Amino acid sequence: MSTFLRQLFVFGLAAVILQLPQNAVLAADPCKGVDTKLSAKRKADYSRLVAKGLDQKVQPSKISIINFMQAGTWTIVYADVPVADPGYFFFDSSSGNPVLKDVWGGIAEKSEEPEIAKWARNLGANKMIASCFADTVSG
């Protein structure tokens, strides 16, 4: 009986070990490699850029930058503005200066993540930041 239990344990352990790589891939951080450090300078710079991108005149000091993501020439900031619901503002700096490309608002279900990443990629955003954004809004 003890040999049987030992074999059962070994087979069970082997099964767990074989599952580890699959689970490690599933647990990979979609924001790995994306700069998410929100400094005071970035808050000030992007508050001004968001203010310029709004239809209504809003002072940058009235805008709160809550979240920051940057990968390559793309930056996404989550901003709270006094004239609308908070939103994710997409900027492309490939021309040398940040240009507002679009704004995304709301939250999403985890099942919508591939669709959201595709939307961001269609704007021109790189895969790294598109994946991070999709995971952030659907989390």
N, C-alpha and C. Protein backbone atom coordinates (compact mmCIF):
# COMPACT_ATOMS: atom_id res chain seq x y z
N MET A 1 0.81 -1.18 0.00
CA MET A 1 0.00 0.00 0.00
C MET A 1 0.86 1.26 0.00
N SER A 2 1.96 1.28 0.72
CA SER A 2 2.78 2.47 0.79
C SER A 2 3.43 2.77 -0.57
N THR A 3 3.77 1.73 -1.37
CA THR A 3 4.31 1.94 -2.71
C THR A 3 3.27 2.62 -3.59
N PHE A 4 2.04 2.18 -3.49
CA PHE A 4 0.95 2.79 -4.27
C PHE A 4 0.80 4.28 -3.91
N LEU A 5 0.80 4.61 -2.63
CA LEU A 5 0.66 6.00 -2.20
C LEU A 5 1.84 6.84 -2.66
N ARG A 6 3.04 6.26 -2.62
CA ARG A 6 4.23 6.97 -3.07
C ARG A 6 4.12 7.28 -4.56
N GLN A 7 3.68 6.29 -5.37
CA GLN A 7 3.52 6.50 -6.81
C GLN A 7 2.44 7.54 -7.08
N LEU A 8 1.37 7.48 -6.33
CA LEU A 8 0.29 8.44 -6.50
C LEU A 8 0.81 9.85 -6.21
N PHE A 9 1.59 10.00 -5.18
CA PHE A 9 2.18 11.29 -4.83
C PHE A 9 3.10 11.78 -5.93
N VAL A 10 3.96 10.90 -6.44
CA VAL A 10 4.90 11.28 -7.51
C VAL A 10 4.14 11.71 -8.76
N PHE A 11 3.13 10.94 -9.16
CA PHE A 11 2.34 11.30 -10.34
C PHE A 11 1.58 12.62 -10.12
N GLY A 12 1.07 12.80 -8.93
CA GLY A 12 0.36 14.05 -8.62
C GLY A 12 1.31 15.24 -8.66
N LEU A 13 2.51 15.07 -8.11
CA LEU A 13 3.51 16.12 -8.12
C LEU A 13 3.93 16.44 -9.56
N ALA A 14 4.12 15.40 -10.37
CA ALA A 14 4.48 15.60 -11.77
C ALA A 14 3.39 16.37 -12.50
N ALA A 15 2.15 16.06 -12.23
CA ALA A 15 1.03 16.76 -12.87
C ALA A 15 1.03 18.25 -12.49
N VAL A 16 1.30 18.54 -11.24
CA VAL A 16 1.36 19.93 -10.79
C VAL A 16 2.51 20.66 -11.47
N ILE A 17 3.67 20.04 -11.56
CA ILE A 17 4.83 20.65 -12.20
C ILE A 17 4.56 20.93 -13.67
N LEU A 18 3.89 20.02 -14.35
CA LEU A 18 3.57 20.22 -15.76
C LEU A 18 2.61 21.39 -15.96
N GLN A 19 1.79 21.68 -14.98
CA GLN A 19 0.84 22.79 -15.08
C GLN A 19 1.49 24.14 -14.80
N LEU A 20 2.62 24.19 -14.12
CA LEU A 20 3.24 25.46 -13.74
C LEU A 20 3.53 26.38 -14.91
N PRO A 21 4.16 25.93 -15.98
CA PRO A 21 4.43 26.88 -17.08
C PRO A 21 3.16 27.49 -17.65
N GLN A 22 2.12 26.70 -17.80
CA GLN A 22 0.86 27.21 -18.33
C GLN A 22 0.30 28.28 -17.39
N ASN A 23 0.29 28.02 -16.11
CA ASN A 23 -0.22 28.99 -15.16
C ASN A 23 0.66 30.23 -15.09
N ALA A 24 1.96 30.07 -15.23
CA ALA A 24 2.87 31.21 -15.22
C ALA A 24 2.59 32.13 -16.40
N VAL A 25 2.28 31.55 -17.56
CA VAL A 25 1.96 32.36 -18.72
C VAL A 25 0.65 33.11 -18.49
N LEU A 26 -0.33 32.45 -17.91
CA LEU A 26 -1.61 33.09 -17.65
C LEU A 26 -1.46 34.22 -16.64
N ALA A 27 -0.52 34.12 -15.74
CA ALA A 27 -0.33 35.12 -14.71
C ALA A 27 0.65 36.21 -15.12
N ALA A 28 1.17 36.18 -16.34
CA ALA A 28 2.14 37.17 -16.80
C ALA A 28 1.51 38.57 -16.71
N ASP A 29 2.32 39.53 -16.32
CA ASP A 29 1.86 40.91 -16.18
C ASP A 29 1.76 41.57 -17.56
N PRO A 30 0.54 41.92 -18.00
CA PRO A 30 0.39 42.55 -19.32
C PRO A 30 1.01 43.95 -19.38
N CYS A 31 1.36 44.52 -18.23
CA CYS A 31 1.97 45.85 -18.22
C CYS A 31 3.49 45.79 -18.05
N LYS A 32 4.04 44.58 -18.11
CA LYS A 32 5.49 44.44 -17.99
C LYS A 32 6.15 45.19 -19.14
N GLY A 33 7.10 46.04 -18.81
CA GLY A 33 7.80 46.82 -19.82
C GLY A 33 7.15 48.17 -20.10
N VAL A 34 5.97 48.41 -19.54
CA VAL A 34 5.29 49.69 -19.71
C VAL A 34 5.67 50.58 -18.52
N ASP A 35 6.09 51.79 -18.82
CA ASP A 35 6.45 52.75 -17.77
C ASP A 35 5.16 53.30 -17.16
N THR A 36 4.96 53.07 -15.89
CA THR A 36 3.74 53.54 -15.21
C THR A 36 4.06 54.53 -14.09
N LYS A 37 5.28 55.06 -14.09
CA LYS A 37 5.68 56.00 -13.03
C LYS A 37 5.07 57.37 -13.29
N LEU A 38 4.24 57.81 -12.38
CA LEU A 38 3.56 59.09 -12.50
C LEU A 38 4.26 60.13 -11.63
N SER A 39 5.16 60.89 -12.23
CA SER A 39 5.90 61.92 -11.51
C SER A 39 5.11 63.23 -11.52
N ALA A 40 5.54 64.16 -10.70
CA ALA A 40 4.90 65.48 -10.65
C ALA A 40 5.03 66.19 -12.00
N LYS A 41 6.16 66.03 -12.66
CA LYS A 41 6.36 66.65 -13.98
C LYS A 41 5.40 66.06 -15.00
N ARG A 42 5.25 64.75 -14.99
CA ARG A 42 4.33 64.12 -15.92
C ARG A 42 2.89 64.57 -15.65
N LYS A 43 2.52 64.66 -14.38
CA LYS A 43 1.18 65.14 -14.03
C LYS A 43 0.95 66.54 -14.61
N ALA A 44 1.91 67.42 -14.43
CA ALA A 44 1.79 68.79 -14.92
C ALA A 44 1.74 68.83 -16.44
N ASP A 45 2.67 68.11 -17.09
CA ASP A 45 2.72 68.11 -18.56
C ASP A 45 1.43 67.58 -19.16
N TYR A 46 0.95 66.46 -18.65
CA TYR A 46 -0.24 65.84 -19.24
C TYR A 46 -1.53 66.54 -18.82
N SER A 47 -1.54 67.23 -17.71
CA SER A 47 -2.70 68.06 -17.35
C SER A 47 -2.87 69.15 -18.40
N ARG A 48 -1.75 69.76 -18.81
CA ARG A 48 -1.81 70.79 -19.85
C ARG A 48 -2.27 70.20 -21.19
N LEU A 49 -1.73 69.03 -21.54
CA LEU A 49 -2.11 68.41 -22.82
C LEU A 49 -3.58 67.99 -22.84
N VAL A 50 -4.07 67.45 -21.72
CA VAL A 50 -5.48 67.06 -21.64
C VAL A 50 -6.35 68.32 -21.75
N ALA A 51 -5.98 69.38 -21.04
CA ALA A 51 -6.75 70.64 -21.08
C ALA A 51 -6.85 71.16 -22.51
N LYS A 52 -5.73 71.10 -23.25
CA LYS A 52 -5.75 71.56 -24.65
C LYS A 52 -6.64 70.70 -25.52
N GLY A 53 -6.81 69.43 -25.17
CA GLY A 53 -7.59 68.51 -25.98
C GLY A 53 -9.09 68.54 -25.71
N LEU A 54 -9.50 69.25 -24.68
CA LEU A 54 -10.92 69.30 -24.34
C LEU A 54 -11.65 70.33 -25.19
N ASP A 55 -12.93 70.10 -25.44
CA ASP A 55 -13.75 71.03 -26.21
C ASP A 55 -14.03 72.31 -25.41
N GLN A 56 -14.12 72.19 -24.10
CA GLN A 56 -14.39 73.33 -23.24
C GLN A 56 -13.09 73.81 -22.61
N LYS A 57 -13.04 75.11 -22.32
CA LYS A 57 -11.84 75.67 -21.70
C LYS A 57 -11.78 75.24 -20.23
N VAL A 58 -10.70 74.55 -19.88
CA VAL A 58 -10.49 74.08 -18.51
C VAL A 58 -9.04 74.37 -18.14
N GLN A 59 -8.85 74.89 -16.94
CA GLN A 59 -7.50 75.15 -16.46
C GLN A 59 -6.81 73.82 -16.14
N PRO A 60 -5.54 73.66 -16.53
CA PRO A 60 -4.82 72.42 -16.21
C PRO A 60 -4.83 72.09 -14.71
N SER A 61 -4.88 73.09 -13.88
CA SER A 61 -4.88 72.85 -12.42
C SER A 61 -6.17 72.17 -11.95
N LYS A 62 -7.20 72.20 -12.77
CA LYS A 62 -8.48 71.56 -12.44
C LYS A 62 -8.54 70.11 -12.92
N ILE A 63 -7.47 69.66 -13.59
CA ILE A 63 -7.40 68.29 -14.13
C ILE A 63 -6.51 67.45 -13.24
N SER A 64 -6.98 66.27 -12.91
CA SER A 64 -6.20 65.36 -12.08
C SER A 64 -5.77 64.14 -12.91
N ILE A 65 -4.48 63.96 -13.06
CA ILE A 65 -3.95 62.78 -13.76
C ILE A 65 -3.83 61.67 -12.72
N ILE A 66 -4.56 60.59 -12.94
CA ILE A 66 -4.66 59.52 -11.95
C ILE A 66 -3.75 58.34 -12.28
N ASN A 67 -3.59 58.07 -13.57
CA ASN A 67 -2.84 56.89 -14.00
C ASN A 67 -2.02 57.27 -15.23
N PHE A 68 -0.87 56.64 -15.39
CA PHE A 68 0.05 56.94 -16.49
C PHE A 68 0.61 55.65 -17.05
N MET A 69 0.62 55.52 -18.37
CA MET A 69 1.23 54.37 -19.06
C MET A 69 2.00 54.91 -20.26
N GLN A 70 3.24 54.45 -20.44
CA GLN A 70 4.01 54.88 -21.60
C GLN A 70 4.84 53.72 -22.12
N ALA A 71 4.75 53.51 -23.43
CA ALA A 71 5.56 52.49 -24.10
C ALA A 71 5.86 53.00 -25.50
N GLY A 72 7.13 53.08 -25.81
CA GLY A 72 7.52 53.61 -27.11
C GLY A 72 7.07 55.06 -27.21
N THR A 73 6.45 55.41 -28.33
CA THR A 73 6.00 56.79 -28.54
C THR A 73 4.58 57.03 -28.04
N TRP A 74 3.98 56.03 -27.42
CA TRP A 74 2.59 56.14 -26.97
C TRP A 74 2.49 56.33 -25.46
N THR A 75 1.59 57.23 -25.08
CA THR A 75 1.29 57.48 -23.67
C THR A 75 -0.22 57.49 -23.50
N ILE A 76 -0.68 56.87 -22.44
CA ILE A 76 -2.09 56.89 -22.07
C ILE A 76 -2.17 57.40 -20.64
N VAL A 77 -2.98 58.42 -20.43
CA VAL A 77 -3.18 58.93 -19.08
C VAL A 77 -4.67 58.84 -18.74
N TYR A 78 -4.94 58.44 -17.52
CA TYR A 78 -6.30 58.42 -17.01
C TYR A 78 -6.47 59.73 -16.26
N ALA A 79 -7.40 60.56 -16.74
CA ALA A 79 -7.56 61.89 -16.18
C ALA A 79 -8.98 62.14 -15.73
N ASP A 80 -9.09 62.81 -14.60
CA ASP A 80 -10.37 63.27 -14.09
C ASP A 80 -10.48 64.74 -14.47
N VAL A 81 -11.51 65.06 -15.25
CA VAL A 81 -11.71 66.43 -15.73
C VAL A 81 -13.04 66.95 -15.21
N PRO A 82 -13.17 68.26 -14.97
CA PRO A 82 -14.40 68.79 -14.38
C PRO A 82 -15.59 68.86 -15.35
N VAL A 83 -15.37 68.67 -16.64
CA VAL A 83 -16.45 68.85 -17.61
C VAL A 83 -16.98 67.53 -18.19
N ALA A 84 -16.45 66.41 -17.73
CA ALA A 84 -16.89 65.10 -18.24
C ALA A 84 -16.48 64.01 -17.26
N ASP A 85 -16.92 62.80 -17.54
CA ASP A 85 -16.47 61.66 -16.74
C ASP A 85 -14.98 61.46 -16.96
N PRO A 86 -14.29 60.82 -16.01
CA PRO A 86 -12.87 60.52 -16.22
C PRO A 86 -12.69 59.68 -17.49
N GLY A 87 -11.54 59.83 -18.10
CA GLY A 87 -11.28 59.07 -19.32
C GLY A 87 -9.80 58.79 -19.51
N TYR A 88 -9.53 57.86 -20.43
CA TYR A 88 -8.16 57.52 -20.81
C TYR A 88 -7.83 58.30 -22.08
N PHE A 89 -6.84 59.17 -22.00
CA PHE A 89 -6.42 60.02 -23.11
C PHE A 89 -5.19 59.39 -23.77
N PHE A 90 -5.30 59.14 -25.07
CA PHE A 90 -4.24 58.48 -25.84
C PHE A 90 -3.42 59.52 -26.60
N PHE A 91 -2.11 59.52 -26.36
CA PHE A 91 -1.21 60.45 -27.02
C PHE A 91 -0.14 59.68 -27.80
N ASP A 92 0.14 60.16 -29.01
CA ASP A 92 1.20 59.61 -29.84
C ASP A 92 2.27 60.68 -30.02
N SER A 93 3.51 60.35 -29.69
CA SER A 93 4.62 61.31 -29.80
C SER A 93 5.56 60.99 -30.95
N SER A 94 5.10 60.21 -31.92
CA SER A 94 6.00 59.81 -33.02
C SER A 94 6.44 61.00 -33.86
N SER A 95 5.68 62.10 -33.83
CA SER A 95 6.06 63.30 -34.58
C SER A 95 7.05 64.16 -33.79
N GLY A 96 7.34 63.79 -32.56
CA GLY A 96 8.23 64.57 -31.71
C GLY A 96 7.49 65.24 -30.57
N ASN A 97 6.22 65.55 -30.77
CA ASN A 97 5.38 66.16 -29.73
C ASN A 97 4.16 65.28 -29.50
N PRO A 98 3.69 65.20 -28.25
CA PRO A 98 2.50 64.39 -27.97
C PRO A 98 1.26 64.96 -28.68
N VAL A 99 0.58 64.11 -29.42
CA VAL A 99 -0.64 64.49 -30.12
C VAL A 99 -1.77 63.62 -29.59
N LEU A 100 -2.86 64.27 -29.15
CA LEU A 100 -4.02 63.54 -28.65
C LEU A 100 -4.68 62.81 -29.81
N LYS A 101 -4.84 61.50 -29.68
CA LYS A 101 -5.44 60.68 -30.73
C LYS A 101 -6.89 60.33 -30.44
N ASP A 102 -7.22 60.06 -29.18
CA ASP A 102 -8.60 59.71 -28.84
C ASP A 102 -8.73 59.61 -27.33
N VAL A 103 -9.97 59.49 -26.88
CA VAL A 103 -10.27 59.33 -25.46
C VAL A 103 -11.20 58.14 -25.32
N TRP A 104 -10.93 57.31 -24.33
CA TRP A 104 -11.77 56.14 -24.04
C TRP A 104 -12.31 56.28 -22.63
N GLY A 105 -13.59 56.07 -22.47
CA GLY A 105 -14.20 56.17 -21.15
C GLY A 105 -14.93 54.90 -20.78
N GLY A 106 -15.03 54.67 -19.50
CA GLY A 106 -15.78 53.53 -19.00
C GLY A 106 -14.92 52.39 -18.53
N ILE A 107 -15.61 51.32 -18.18
CA ILE A 107 -14.95 50.09 -17.76
C ILE A 107 -15.46 48.98 -18.66
N ALA A 108 -14.83 47.84 -18.58
CA ALA A 108 -15.20 46.73 -19.46
C ALA A 108 -15.09 45.41 -18.72
N GLU A 109 -15.70 44.41 -19.29
CA GLU A 109 -15.60 43.05 -18.78
C GLU A 109 -14.29 42.43 -19.25
N LYS A 110 -13.79 41.48 -18.49
CA LYS A 110 -12.54 40.79 -18.85
C LYS A 110 -12.65 40.15 -20.24
N SER A 111 -13.84 39.67 -20.60
CA SER A 111 -14.02 39.02 -21.90
C SER A 111 -13.87 40.01 -23.06
N GLU A 112 -13.96 41.31 -22.78
CA GLU A 112 -13.84 42.33 -23.82
C GLU A 112 -12.39 42.77 -24.07
N GLU A 113 -11.47 42.23 -23.28
CA GLU A 113 -10.08 42.66 -23.35
C GLU A 113 -9.48 42.58 -24.76
N PRO A 114 -9.64 41.47 -25.50
CA PRO A 114 -9.06 41.43 -26.86
C PRO A 114 -9.64 42.51 -27.79
N GLU A 115 -10.92 42.77 -27.64
CA GLU A 115 -11.59 43.79 -28.46
C GLU A 115 -11.05 45.19 -28.13
N ILE A 116 -10.82 45.45 -26.85
CA ILE A 116 -10.30 46.74 -26.41
C ILE A 116 -8.86 46.93 -26.89
N ALA A 117 -8.05 45.90 -26.77
CA ALA A 117 -6.67 45.98 -27.25
C ALA A 117 -6.65 46.24 -28.76
N LYS A 118 -7.54 45.60 -29.48
CA LYS A 118 -7.63 45.81 -30.93
C LYS A 118 -8.02 47.26 -31.25
N TRP A 119 -8.94 47.81 -30.48
CA TRP A 119 -9.34 49.20 -30.67
C TRP A 119 -8.13 50.12 -30.51
N ALA A 120 -7.36 49.90 -29.45
CA ALA A 120 -6.17 50.72 -29.20
C ALA A 120 -5.13 50.54 -30.32
N ARG A 121 -4.96 49.32 -30.78
CA ARG A 121 -4.01 49.06 -31.88
C ARG A 121 -4.47 49.76 -33.16
N ASN A 122 -5.78 49.81 -33.38
CA ASN A 122 -6.30 50.49 -34.56
C ASN A 122 -6.05 52.00 -34.53
N LEU A 123 -5.86 52.56 -33.33
CA LEU A 123 -5.47 53.96 -33.21
C LEU A 123 -4.02 54.15 -33.65
N GLY A 124 -3.25 53.06 -33.59
CA GLY A 124 -1.83 53.12 -33.89
C GLY A 124 -0.96 52.77 -32.70
N ALA A 125 -1.59 52.57 -31.53
CA ALA A 125 -0.84 52.24 -30.31
C ALA A 125 -0.09 50.92 -30.49
N ASN A 126 1.10 50.85 -29.90
CA ASN A 126 1.88 49.61 -29.98
C ASN A 126 1.23 48.52 -29.15
N LYS A 127 1.58 47.30 -29.45
CA LYS A 127 0.96 46.13 -28.81
C LYS A 127 1.15 46.14 -27.30
N MET A 128 2.32 46.57 -26.85
CA MET A 128 2.63 46.55 -25.42
C MET A 128 1.67 47.44 -24.63
N ILE A 129 1.49 48.66 -25.08
CA ILE A 129 0.63 49.59 -24.33
C ILE A 129 -0.84 49.24 -24.54
N ALA A 130 -1.18 48.73 -25.71
CA ALA A 130 -2.58 48.33 -25.98
C ALA A 130 -2.99 47.19 -25.04
N SER A 131 -2.11 46.23 -24.83
CA SER A 131 -2.39 45.11 -23.92
C SER A 131 -2.51 45.59 -22.47
N CYS A 132 -1.61 46.46 -22.08
CA CYS A 132 -1.64 47.00 -20.71
C CYS A 132 -2.94 47.78 -20.48
N PHE A 133 -3.30 48.62 -21.44
CA PHE A 133 -4.53 49.40 -21.33
C PHE A 133 -5.75 48.49 -21.23
N ALA A 134 -5.83 47.50 -22.11
CA ALA A 134 -6.98 46.59 -22.12
C ALA A 134 -7.10 45.86 -20.79
N ASP A 135 -5.98 45.43 -20.25
CA ASP A 135 -6.00 44.73 -18.96
C ASP A 135 -6.43 45.70 -17.85
N THR A 136 -5.97 46.93 -17.91
CA THR A 136 -6.28 47.92 -16.87
C THR A 136 -7.78 48.23 -16.83
N VAL A 137 -8.39 48.45 -17.99
CA VAL A 137 -9.80 48.84 -18.00
C VAL A 137 -10.76 47.66 -17.83
N SER A 138 -10.25 46.45 -18.01
CA SER A 138 -11.13 45.29 -17.87
C SER A 138 -10.85 44.53 -16.58
N GLY A 139 -9.97 45.03 -15.77
CA GLY A 139 -9.58 44.35 -14.54
C GLY A 139 -10.48 44.56 -13.45
